[in-house]
Every structure is written in C-alpha cells, then in structure tokens.
Amino acid sequence: MVEEDVANYIAMNTSLVTGTDLFLNQLPANTPEGAAVRVIRSPKPWGNLTTTLISIFIFYNSFVTNRNLVDSLVILFNDYRGSLGSWSISGQVSWSNYGKDDYDRYVTSVNIEISH
C-alpha cells in the first residue's frame, strides 16, 4: 500500500515513530497526539502511472509543535519531487488548518498528490 511507503518515508526523515506517534488512517483511541497517513482519493490512472491523493493529519495540543511538523513535512515532500523511488510527488504540496478538535488538539493536514 502506497500510504505505508509514505509513512515509512516520514518515519525515516522525521522524529515520528511508527506505532508510537505515526499511524495509518487514524490515531488509536489511547494516543493523544501524533500523525495519521490516509488515502483521500483512490488511485486513478495517469499515463503509465497512477496518482493518489494522500493527507497526513496532524494532532497536537501545542500549536507550535503542530506547525513545526507541518512546515517540516511540506519541505520534506517538496524535496522528494521527482524521486526515482516507488513513488514521487506529482502535484502540489499543501496544508489545511482545521482548528481545534473536541480533545483541544490543533488539527492540520498536509496534502500530497503522488505518482506511483
């Protein structure tokens, strides 16, 4: 699954640890803060490749921690554009701010379109 490849790339290049504060799809109920990698739009053909829209949802009580991770991921993904790996950034890297959730966490997503 391509979202696992993206999560592994994040884990290798940030302080996030898979299974501790980096997850697929959603944070577990007992995990108050962290990030979740999720497919937002199913894969669609694009020439010889496939494109998929993925969002990394970020949940932190601290605005500064949330924003620092957003900024780091935006830079990380922009630097991965044109990579020769199993996937690469093929569209715009953007982020969306959702404000605070019911658990008083700041919620932001980093959104990427990838080719694979």
Protein backbone atom coordinates (compact mmCIF):
# COMPACT_ATOMS: atom_id res chain seq x y z
CA MET A 1 0.00 0.00 0.00
CA VAL A 2 1.40 3.34 -1.05
CA GLU A 3 0.34 5.05 2.20
CA GLU A 4 2.69 2.67 4.05
CA ASP A 5 5.54 3.80 1.79
CA VAL A 6 4.74 7.44 2.59
CA ALA A 7 4.53 6.69 6.33
CA ASN A 8 7.89 4.89 6.19
CA TYR A 9 9.44 7.89 4.40
CA ILE A 10 8.10 10.19 7.13
CA ALA A 11 9.43 7.90 9.88
CA MET A 12 12.89 7.75 8.26
CA ASN A 13 13.12 11.54 7.88
CA THR A 14 11.44 12.97 10.99
CA SER A 15 11.32 12.28 14.72
CA LEU A 16 7.96 10.48 14.33
CA VAL A 17 8.00 6.77 15.20
CA THR A 18 5.69 4.27 13.52
CA GLY A 19 3.29 2.83 16.08
CA THR A 20 4.10 5.49 18.68
CA ASP A 21 3.07 8.80 17.10
CA LEU A 22 2.77 7.89 13.40
CA PHE A 23 -0.08 5.69 12.18
CA LEU A 24 -2.08 4.69 9.12
CA ASN A 25 -5.64 6.04 8.74
CA GLN A 26 -6.24 7.33 12.27
CA LEU A 27 -4.74 7.71 15.73
CA PRO A 28 -5.59 4.86 18.10
CA ALA A 29 -8.01 5.80 20.90
CA ASN A 30 -5.23 5.81 23.54
CA THR A 31 -2.87 8.05 21.52
CA PRO A 32 -3.47 11.72 22.35
CA GLU A 33 -1.03 13.25 19.85
CA GLY A 34 0.64 12.30 16.59
CA ALA A 35 0.06 11.96 12.87
CA ALA A 36 -2.03 9.68 10.67
CA VAL A 37 -1.37 8.96 6.99
CA ARG A 38 -4.54 8.39 5.00
CA VAL A 39 -5.52 7.93 1.35
CA ILE A 40 -8.06 10.64 0.50
CA ARG A 41 -8.69 9.91 -3.18
CA SER A 42 -8.45 6.46 -4.60
CA PRO A 43 -5.75 5.79 -7.16
CA LYS A 44 -6.52 6.89 -10.70
CA PRO A 45 -4.63 6.23 -13.92
CA TRP A 46 -2.29 8.95 -15.17
CA GLY A 47 -0.44 7.82 -18.28
CA ASN A 48 1.73 4.84 -17.36
CA LEU A 49 1.46 5.72 -13.67
CA THR A 50 -1.24 6.06 -11.04
CA THR A 51 -1.90 9.13 -8.91
CA THR A 52 -3.23 9.10 -5.39
CA LEU A 53 -4.12 11.94 -3.03
CA ILE A 54 -2.80 11.37 0.49
CA SER A 55 -3.22 13.51 3.59
CA ILE A 56 -1.16 13.39 6.74
CA PHE A 57 -3.43 14.50 9.59
CA ILE A 58 -1.53 16.06 12.49
CA PHE A 59 -2.97 16.26 16.02
CA TYR A 60 -1.07 18.15 18.74
CA ASN A 61 -2.11 20.16 21.82
CA SER A 62 0.68 22.64 21.12
CA PHE A 63 0.17 24.97 18.17
CA VAL A 64 3.95 25.35 17.82
CA THR A 65 4.56 21.58 17.73
CA ASN A 66 1.76 21.15 15.19
CA ARG A 67 3.01 23.96 12.97
CA ASN A 68 6.65 22.87 13.15
CA LEU A 69 5.71 19.38 11.95
CA VAL A 70 3.56 20.83 9.16
CA ASP A 71 6.45 23.01 7.98
CA SER A 72 8.90 20.09 8.17
CA LEU A 73 6.61 17.81 6.14
CA VAL A 74 5.98 20.44 3.48
CA ILE A 75 9.74 20.88 3.00
CA LEU A 76 10.33 17.11 3.13
CA PHE A 77 7.74 16.38 0.44
CA ASN A 78 8.76 19.26 -1.82
CA ASP A 79 12.31 17.89 -1.69
CA TYR A 80 11.03 14.44 -2.75
CA ARG A 81 9.59 15.75 -6.02
CA GLY A 82 10.91 13.81 -9.00
CA SER A 83 12.33 10.99 -6.88
CA LEU A 84 13.20 7.71 -8.55
CA GLY A 85 11.74 5.62 -5.68
CA SER A 86 8.49 3.66 -5.74
CA TRP A 87 6.55 6.95 -5.60
CA SER A 88 7.14 10.66 -6.07
CA ILE A 89 5.34 13.94 -5.56
CA SER A 90 3.44 14.74 -8.74
CA GLY A 91 1.20 17.61 -7.66
CA GLN A 92 1.05 20.47 -5.24
CA VAL A 93 2.09 20.06 -1.60
CA SER A 94 -0.38 21.98 0.55
CA TRP A 95 -1.74 22.10 4.07
CA SER A 96 -5.15 22.72 5.61
CA ASN A 97 -5.89 24.03 9.10
CA TYR A 98 -8.99 22.57 10.82
CA GLY A 99 -8.70 24.45 14.13
CA LYS A 100 -9.14 22.55 17.40
CA ASP A 101 -10.98 19.28 17.88
CA ASP A 102 -13.05 18.05 20.85
CA TYR A 103 -9.84 16.97 22.61
CA ASP A 104 -8.39 20.50 22.43
CA ARG A 105 -5.78 19.47 19.85
CA TYR A 106 -4.80 21.57 16.87
CA VAL A 107 -5.64 19.61 13.72
CA THR A 108 -3.87 20.23 10.44
CA SER A 109 -3.35 18.13 7.34
CA VAL A 110 -0.50 18.10 4.86
CA ASN A 111 -1.86 17.08 1.47
CA ILE A 112 0.17 15.50 -1.32
CA GLU A 113 -0.59 14.05 -4.72
CA ILE A 114 1.78 11.25 -5.58
CA SER A 115 2.55 9.20 -8.66
CA HIS A 116 3.39 5.55 -8.27
